[in-house]
């Protein structure tokens, strides 16, 4: 059974909803939850994808129904809930 789940074009919920505490080029203190990463281009694609400068947190994210839901709005809600559930 193929369980591949492709990113939804124009979504970028995973680059917006969660906080990232490690440095990102252009965001040396990381980014707070709910703020779009400065590395998103106009098409909402990561400029650092596949590059060593991409934060480890970002490299570990794997798209899937439990994170992405059926729409960008659902992905934002799921990731916001996860952010809140894992907050210190």
C-alpha atoms as a PDB file:
ATOM      1  CA  UNK A   1       0.000   0.000   0.000  1.00  0.00           C
ATOM      2  CA  UNK A   2       1.416   3.392  -0.998  1.00  0.00           C
ATOM      3  CA  UNK A   3       1.194   5.767   1.951  1.00  0.00           C
ATOM      4  CA  UNK A   4       2.949   8.720   0.282  1.00  0.00           C
ATOM      5  CA  UNK A   5       1.344  12.044   1.058  1.00  0.00           C
ATOM      6  CA  UNK A   6       2.410  15.025  -1.025  1.00  0.00           C
ATOM      7  CA  UNK A   7       2.523  18.604   0.229  1.00  0.00           C
ATOM      8  CA  UNK A   8      -0.465  20.711  -0.771  1.00  0.00           C
ATOM      9  CA  UNK A   9       0.658  23.523  -3.117  1.00  0.00           C
ATOM     10  CA  UNK A  10       0.198  26.958  -1.581  1.00  0.00           C
ATOM     11  CA  UNK A  11      -0.306  25.618   1.952  1.00  0.00           C
ATOM     12  CA  UNK A  12       2.806  26.316   4.058  1.00  0.00           C
ATOM     13  CA  UNK A  13       0.890  25.616   7.279  1.00  0.00           C
ATOM     14  CA  UNK A  14       3.940  23.740   8.617  1.00  0.00           C
ATOM     15  CA  UNK A  15       6.040  26.863   7.926  1.00  0.00           C
ATOM     16  CA  UNK A  16       3.553  29.135   9.693  1.00  0.00           C
ATOM     17  CA  UNK A  17       1.669  27.425  12.531  1.00  0.00           C
ATOM     18  CA  UNK A  18       4.459  25.906  14.671  1.00  0.00           C
ATOM     19  CA  UNK A  19       7.132  27.769  16.553  1.00  0.00           C
ATOM     20  CA  UNK A  20      10.721  27.042  15.583  1.00  0.00           C
ATOM     21  CA  UNK A  21      13.233  27.641  18.361  1.00  0.00           C
ATOM     22  CA  UNK A  22      16.406  27.092  16.366  1.00  0.00           C
ATOM     23  CA  UNK A  23      17.954  29.779  14.154  1.00  0.00           C
ATOM     24  CA  UNK A  24      16.696  30.153  10.599  1.00  0.00           C
ATOM     25  CA  UNK A  25      18.599  32.233   8.039  1.00  0.00           C
ATOM     26  CA  UNK A  26      16.921  35.626   8.336  1.00  0.00           C
ATOM     27  CA  UNK A  27      15.388  34.704  11.718  1.00  0.00           C
ATOM     28  CA  UNK A  28      18.329  34.143  14.076  1.00  0.00           C
ATOM     29  CA  UNK A  29      16.046  33.704  17.108  1.00  0.00           C
ATOM     30  CA  UNK A  30      13.750  31.261  15.306  1.00  0.00           C
ATOM     31  CA  UNK A  31      10.101  32.119  14.806  1.00  0.00           C
ATOM     32  CA  UNK A  32       7.009  32.231  16.992  1.00  0.00           C
ATOM     33  CA  UNK A  33       3.943  30.127  16.331  1.00  0.00           C
ATOM     34  CA  UNK A  34       1.590  31.673  13.806  1.00  0.00           C
ATOM     35  CA  UNK A  35       4.238  33.714  12.004  1.00  0.00           C
ATOM     36  CA  UNK A  36       5.220  32.775   8.468  1.00  0.00           C
ATOM     37  CA  UNK A  37       8.877  31.862   8.014  1.00  0.00           C
ATOM     38  CA  UNK A  38      10.889  34.466   6.105  1.00  0.00           C
ATOM     39  CA  UNK A  39      12.219  31.674   3.897  1.00  0.00           C
ATOM     40  CA  UNK A  40       8.844  31.171   2.195  1.00  0.00           C
ATOM     41  CA  UNK A  41       8.778  32.447  -1.370  1.00  0.00           C
ATOM     42  CA  UNK A  42       5.780  34.050  -3.110  1.00  0.00           C
ATOM     43  CA  UNK A  43       4.418  30.603  -3.978  1.00  0.00           C
ATOM     44  CA  UNK A  44       4.691  29.580  -0.286  1.00  0.00           C
ATOM     45  CA  UNK A  45       7.547  27.170  -0.962  1.00  0.00           C
ATOM     46  CA  UNK A  46      10.636  26.880   1.245  1.00  0.00           C
ATOM     47  CA  UNK A  47      13.747  28.506  -0.194  1.00  0.00           C
ATOM     48  CA  UNK A  48      15.869  26.260   2.062  1.00  0.00           C
ATOM     49  CA  UNK A  49      14.302  22.932   1.118  1.00  0.00           C
ATOM     50  CA  UNK A  50      17.060  20.351   0.652  1.00  0.00           C
ATOM     51  CA  UNK A  51      19.765  22.706   1.901  1.00  0.00           C
ATOM     52  CA  UNK A  52      21.881  22.159   5.029  1.00  0.00           C
ATOM     53  CA  UNK A  53      20.766  25.538   6.425  1.00  0.00           C
ATOM     54  CA  UNK A  54      17.223  24.249   6.771  1.00  0.00           C
ATOM     55  CA  UNK A  55      16.459  23.771  10.486  1.00  0.00           C
ATOM     56  CA  UNK A  56      16.430  20.209  11.806  1.00  0.00           C
ATOM     57  CA  UNK A  57      12.855  20.728  13.013  1.00  0.00           C
ATOM     58  CA  UNK A  58      11.760  21.415   9.436  1.00  0.00           C
ATOM     59  CA  UNK A  59      13.634  18.412   8.059  1.00  0.00           C
ATOM     60  CA  UNK A  60      11.763  16.110  10.461  1.00  0.00           C
ATOM     61  CA  UNK A  61       8.288  17.205   9.392  1.00  0.00           C
ATOM     62  CA  UNK A  62       6.581  14.641   7.204  1.00  0.00           C
ATOM     63  CA  UNK A  63       3.319  15.535   5.476  1.00  0.00           C
ATOM     64  CA  UNK A  64       0.428  13.285   6.352  1.00  0.00           C
ATOM     65  CA  UNK A  65      -3.302  13.398   7.052  1.00  0.00           C
ATOM     66  CA  UNK A  66      -2.772  13.794  10.816  1.00  0.00           C
ATOM     67  CA  UNK A  67      -0.743  16.976  10.248  1.00  0.00           C
ATOM     68  CA  UNK A  68      -2.141  18.309   6.971  1.00  0.00           C
ATOM     69  CA  UNK A  69      -5.818  17.443   7.129  1.00  0.00           C
ATOM     70  CA  UNK A  70      -7.950  18.115   4.066  1.00  0.00           C
ATOM     71  CA  UNK A  71      -7.180  21.828   3.622  1.00  0.00           C
ATOM     72  CA  UNK A  72      -4.748  24.574   4.635  1.00  0.00           C
ATOM     73  CA  UNK A  73      -7.243  25.783   7.252  1.00  0.00           C
ATOM     74  CA  UNK A  74      -7.453  22.290   8.742  1.00  0.00           C
ATOM     75  CA  UNK A  75      -3.653  21.952   8.714  1.00  0.00           C
ATOM     76  CA  UNK A  76      -3.303  25.292  10.510  1.00  0.00           C
ATOM     77  CA  UNK A  77      -5.804  24.155  13.167  1.00  0.00           C
ATOM     78  CA  UNK A  78      -4.145  20.742  13.633  1.00  0.00           C
ATOM     79  CA  UNK A  79      -0.676  22.252  13.923  1.00  0.00           C
ATOM     80  CA  UNK A  80      -1.884  25.012  16.266  1.00  0.00           C
ATOM     81  CA  UNK A  81      -3.416  22.358  18.531  1.00  0.00           C
ATOM     82  CA  UNK A  82      -0.183  20.352  18.483  1.00  0.00           C
ATOM     83  CA  UNK A  83       1.793  23.512  19.257  1.00  0.00           C
ATOM     84  CA  UNK A  84      -0.424  24.217  22.250  1.00  0.00           C
ATOM     85  CA  UNK A  85      -0.316  20.606  23.459  1.00  0.00           C
ATOM     86  CA  UNK A  86       3.495  20.532  23.385  1.00  0.00           C
ATOM     87  CA  UNK A  87       4.142  24.006  24.802  1.00  0.00           C
ATOM     88  CA  UNK A  88       6.339  24.069  27.907  1.00  0.00           C
END
